[in-house]
Amino acid sequence: MRFENRTLGFVINFLLGVAWAVMLIGALTSFLSFYESSILFAVISALIGATPGLLGVLALEYFITDKEKLSELKKQTKLLEKLADQKEG
């Protein structure tokens, strides 16, 4: 994940790591809290506990993909402008 702005890339990667950590902590704490009562209930609880972290990961991955798409579209626009200039000249 390369961003032209190194600071933005660092912040996004840091937040992505935080989101994965929140997902893992939420799943583990939820699972361990209800493990003694029922395994099935503990697994369902772990899935529910992991949901906020997974939503954060999903949102950040969408942002990364959108930024990469924008970067590629800018490159394509520059190339098309060069081709149009060469065709005219």
C-alpha atoms as a PDB file:
ATOM      1  CA  MET A   1       0.000   0.000   0.000  1.00  0.00           C
ATOM      2  CA  ARG A   2       1.980   2.893  -1.275  1.00  0.00           C
ATOM      3  CA  PHE A   3       0.652   6.356  -0.847  1.00  0.00           C
ATOM      4  CA  GLU A   4       2.236   9.438  -2.327  1.00  0.00           C
ATOM      5  CA  ASN A   5       1.946  11.067   1.093  1.00  0.00           C
ATOM      6  CA  ARG A   6       4.098   9.049   3.512  1.00  0.00           C
ATOM      7  CA  THR A   7       2.373  10.499   6.563  1.00  0.00           C
ATOM      8  CA  LEU A   8      -1.045   9.441   5.289  1.00  0.00           C
ATOM      9  CA  GLY A   9       0.287   5.956   4.551  1.00  0.00           C
ATOM     10  CA  PHE A  10       1.695   5.655   8.065  1.00  0.00           C
ATOM     11  CA  VAL A  11      -1.553   6.787   9.674  1.00  0.00           C
ATOM     12  CA  ILE A  12      -3.680   4.450   7.569  1.00  0.00           C
ATOM     13  CA  ASN A  13      -1.435   1.458   8.269  1.00  0.00           C
ATOM     14  CA  PHE A  14      -1.388   2.286  11.976  1.00  0.00           C
ATOM     15  CA  LEU A  15      -5.184   2.533  12.090  1.00  0.00           C
ATOM     16  CA  LEU A  16      -5.454  -0.734  10.177  1.00  0.00           C
ATOM     17  CA  GLY A  17      -3.294  -2.415  12.810  1.00  0.00           C
ATOM     18  CA  VAL A  18      -5.428  -0.914  15.563  1.00  0.00           C
ATOM     19  CA  ALA A  19      -8.596  -2.183  13.884  1.00  0.00           C
ATOM     20  CA  TRP A  20      -7.165  -5.724  13.675  1.00  0.00           C
ATOM     21  CA  ALA A  21      -6.136  -5.522  17.327  1.00  0.00           C
ATOM     22  CA  VAL A  22      -9.631  -4.368  18.355  1.00  0.00           C
ATOM     23  CA  MET A  23     -11.092  -7.269  16.405  1.00  0.00           C
ATOM     24  CA  LEU A  24      -8.794  -9.789  18.089  1.00  0.00           C
ATOM     25  CA  ILE A  25      -9.283  -8.390  21.588  1.00  0.00           C
ATOM     26  CA  GLY A  26     -13.058  -8.210  21.131  1.00  0.00           C
ATOM     27  CA  ALA A  27     -13.255 -11.785  19.895  1.00  0.00           C
ATOM     28  CA  LEU A  28     -10.978 -13.207  22.602  1.00  0.00           C
ATOM     29  CA  THR A  29     -12.540 -11.400  25.526  1.00  0.00           C
ATOM     30  CA  SER A  30     -16.043 -12.249  24.380  1.00  0.00           C
ATOM     31  CA  PHE A  31     -15.130 -15.886  23.837  1.00  0.00           C
ATOM     32  CA  LEU A  32     -13.334 -16.257  27.157  1.00  0.00           C
ATOM     33  CA  SER A  33     -16.147 -14.535  29.042  1.00  0.00           C
ATOM     34  CA  PHE A  34     -18.734 -17.091  27.957  1.00  0.00           C
ATOM     35  CA  TYR A  35     -16.538 -20.169  27.459  1.00  0.00           C
ATOM     36  CA  GLU A  36     -17.534 -21.809  30.736  1.00  0.00           C
ATOM     37  CA  SER A  37     -21.278 -21.637  30.096  1.00  0.00           C
ATOM     38  CA  SER A  38     -21.458 -22.948  26.509  1.00  0.00           C
ATOM     39  CA  ILE A  39     -19.058 -23.350  23.579  1.00  0.00           C
ATOM     40  CA  LEU A  40     -21.724 -22.438  21.045  1.00  0.00           C
ATOM     41  CA  PHE A  41     -22.685 -19.313  22.963  1.00  0.00           C
ATOM     42  CA  ALA A  42     -18.976 -18.433  23.310  1.00  0.00           C
ATOM     43  CA  VAL A  43     -18.396 -18.732  19.550  1.00  0.00           C
ATOM     44  CA  ILE A  44     -21.439 -16.590  18.751  1.00  0.00           C
ATOM     45  CA  SER A  45     -20.299 -14.063  21.332  1.00  0.00           C
ATOM     46  CA  ALA A  46     -16.810 -14.002  19.770  1.00  0.00           C
ATOM     47  CA  LEU A  47     -18.288 -13.274  16.365  1.00  0.00           C
ATOM     48  CA  ILE A  48     -20.329 -10.431  17.799  1.00  0.00           C
ATOM     49  CA  GLY A  49     -17.281  -9.122  19.695  1.00  0.00           C
ATOM     50  CA  ALA A  50     -15.158  -9.170  16.532  1.00  0.00           C
ATOM     51  CA  THR A  51     -17.690  -7.215  14.478  1.00  0.00           C
ATOM     52  CA  PRO A  52     -16.608  -3.626  15.373  1.00  0.00           C
ATOM     53  CA  GLY A  53     -12.974  -4.378  14.553  1.00  0.00           C
ATOM     54  CA  LEU A  54     -13.906  -6.062  11.298  1.00  0.00           C
ATOM     55  CA  LEU A  55     -16.038  -3.088  10.302  1.00  0.00           C
ATOM     56  CA  GLY A  56     -13.050  -0.826  10.955  1.00  0.00           C
ATOM     57  CA  VAL A  57     -10.821  -3.027   8.796  1.00  0.00           C
ATOM     58  CA  LEU A  58     -13.427  -3.031   6.050  1.00  0.00           C
ATOM     59  CA  ALA A  59     -13.748   0.760   6.098  1.00  0.00           C
ATOM     60  CA  LEU A  60      -9.986   1.298   5.995  1.00  0.00           C
ATOM     61  CA  GLU A  61      -9.491  -1.229   3.197  1.00  0.00           C
ATOM     62  CA  TYR A  62     -12.215   0.537   1.218  1.00  0.00           C
ATOM     63  CA  PHE A  63     -10.402   3.843   1.756  1.00  0.00           C
ATOM     64  CA  ILE A  64      -7.091   2.326   0.610  1.00  0.00           C
ATOM     65  CA  THR A  65      -8.681   0.810  -2.492  1.00  0.00           C
ATOM     66  CA  ASP A  66     -10.375   4.089  -3.338  1.00  0.00           C
ATOM     67  CA  LYS A  67      -7.107   6.026  -3.034  1.00  0.00           C
ATOM     68  CA  GLU A  68      -5.281   3.502  -5.257  1.00  0.00           C
ATOM     69  CA  LYS A  69      -8.088   3.696  -7.819  1.00  0.00           C
ATOM     70  CA  LEU A  70      -7.869   7.493  -7.858  1.00  0.00           C
ATOM     71  CA  SER A  71      -4.097   7.325  -8.315  1.00  0.00           C
ATOM     72  CA  GLU A  72      -4.433   4.920 -11.250  1.00  0.00           C
ATOM     73  CA  LEU A  73      -7.094   7.094 -12.867  1.00  0.00           C
ATOM     74  CA  LYS A  74      -4.792  10.121 -12.610  1.00  0.00           C
ATOM     75  CA  LYS A  75      -1.992   8.157 -14.308  1.00  0.00           C
ATOM     76  CA  GLN A  76      -4.353   7.065 -17.076  1.00  0.00           C
ATOM     77  CA  THR A  77      -5.542  10.632 -17.581  1.00  0.00           C
ATOM     78  CA  LYS A  78      -1.955  11.877 -17.979  1.00  0.00           C
ATOM     79  CA  LEU A  79      -1.206   9.148 -20.512  1.00  0.00           C
ATOM     80  CA  LEU A  80      -4.369   9.864 -22.477  1.00  0.00           C
ATOM     81  CA  GLU A  81      -3.549  13.583 -22.549  1.00  0.00           C
ATOM     82  CA  LYS A  82      -0.064  12.766 -23.880  1.00  0.00           C
ATOM     83  CA  LEU A  83      -1.543  10.562 -26.583  1.00  0.00           C
ATOM     84  CA  ALA A  84      -4.058  13.252 -27.542  1.00  0.00           C
ATOM     85  CA  ASP A  85      -1.284  15.864 -27.758  1.00  0.00           C
ATOM     86  CA  GLN A  86       0.837  13.576 -29.935  1.00  0.00           C
ATOM     87  CA  LYS A  87      -2.099  12.884 -32.250  1.00  0.00           C
ATOM     88  CA  GLU A  88      -2.823  16.606 -32.647  1.00  0.00           C
ATOM     89  CA  GLY A  89       0.802  17.617 -33.169  1.00  0.00           C
END
